[in-house]
Amino acid sequence: MRRTEYKNIGETLYTDTLPNGLRLCVVPKKGFQGYFAAFAADYGGAGRVFTLDGERYDTPAGVAHYLEHKMFDLPDGDNALSLLNANGADPNASTGDDTTCYYFQCTERFEENLRLLLHFVSTPYFTEETVQKERGIIAQEIRMGEDDPGLRLFYNFLRQLYAHHPIRDRVAGTVESIQAITPEMLYACYRAFYAPGNMCLCVEGDVAPARVRQIALEELGEENRPVPRPDYGEAESPLPVEAFHKEEAPVSAPQFMIGSKLSPEAGGEAALRQRLVSQLALRLLVGASSPFYTRLYGEGLLNRDFDYEAYFSSGTGTLIIEGESEDPEAVFEALKQEAARVSREGFSEESFERAKRASLGARLRGLEDFGGVCLSLISGVFEGYCSFDAIALLDRVTKAACEDFIREAFAPEKLVISILEPKKD
């Protein structure tokens, strides 16, 4: 295995690509009591159209999430969640637009739990009866999401930005779309995307990297299967579909999302740099210590319910600024004015250095979270970079790069706002 020391952050990373194509990352933590292991597929809710064995599949919204639910069933009738819990582990799973991840944390019996994780994710078992039984459970989960104002606002916002990219559809799908999911469809999606060569295993804890590698080979074998690429359709226009959208919802105060489409880098260090620049630029423009936020907070236009991010997934990049305000349209106008001012005048050197130090500190604190470390390493593997390089790369980010990001991302013709306001009755 390749050993890389990151002396600037005090971490050592072991990496390897196994004969079956599996990417492996191990972060040894000598003397620590806890363990975290994550096993992920480079496949999520947006990967609905693909070609497998010469046959084109156009699967319904929600199939990746449905597959995640059913992977815990084992042929002997056991359920992997129950087995891991009984073994002292705390397991879970999640499906995003581009990744499905199965993980656990524990303080004992790590090797047994790791074998169980690898075993159940590599053992598909779907029957008409079990798939039909799950339909009601997932439908109820979808209905609960429909009652969530935050989710409703988020997908309204995405539909304003994207004309046809599958990222605009809910990962869980709809009650109607999941009716078309069959065992045969789940097996096809599994064969396509759950090949070891499309997956990554990341472990952090007091472990021997060579031992983790051996267990992975024993549980997964050495077969290296080809993996199709999802088809996301025609390229999107850089301009939005709809600049303004407002509707009523059961909320106590108006909620808003403001943003635009970004042009994502293809991968590698350029992709990591883009993520670092975008987050630092947003911290400077709308962060808690920015002139914009402090002024609007003082005026009562913003409160503590305010956040921002640059979200990159499935070949897309999305700028998201969200919060709560009695006058979202006034916030939108103030934001456009502040972005225009920064585009003309730039950021001050003092504020730039202060924001960079704050970002560095936040990333260093994040290294204490084993789960966060593993999940960020997996994201980097799928995008062709190592997240441990972020600290050194962030130190080289320039003020000019952040200013260029603001000019591009906040071009007035690109910006949209989506609003949920309280029902008038």
Foldseek 3Di string as FASTA:
>chain_A
DDWDADVVQGWIWDWDQALQQATEIETADPPDQKKKKKKKFQAAQLQQWWADPNRTGRAFGQLRVLLLVQLQAAPVGDGLCVVQVVVAKHWDWDGDNGMTMTMIMGRDPVLVNLLSVLQSLQGGDDDQVVSVVCLVVLQVVQVVLVQDVVSVQVLVVVVQAFPQFSNSADRNGHNVRSVPDDPVNSVRVCVQIVRSSRMYMYMYYNDDRVVSVVSNCVRRPNHHDDHIDGDRDDDTDQFTNHFEAEDAHADPFKKKKKWFWDQADQFAPSNLLVQLLQVLLCCQQANPPHPLPVVCVVVQQFDPFWDWGWDDDDRIIMTITIGTGNCVVVSVVSSLVSLVVCLVVNGDPVSSVVSLVVVLVVVSVQVVDRVSQRVQQRVNVNRHYGVSCNNVSSVVDDSVSSSVCSCVTSDPRGMHMYMYGHDPD
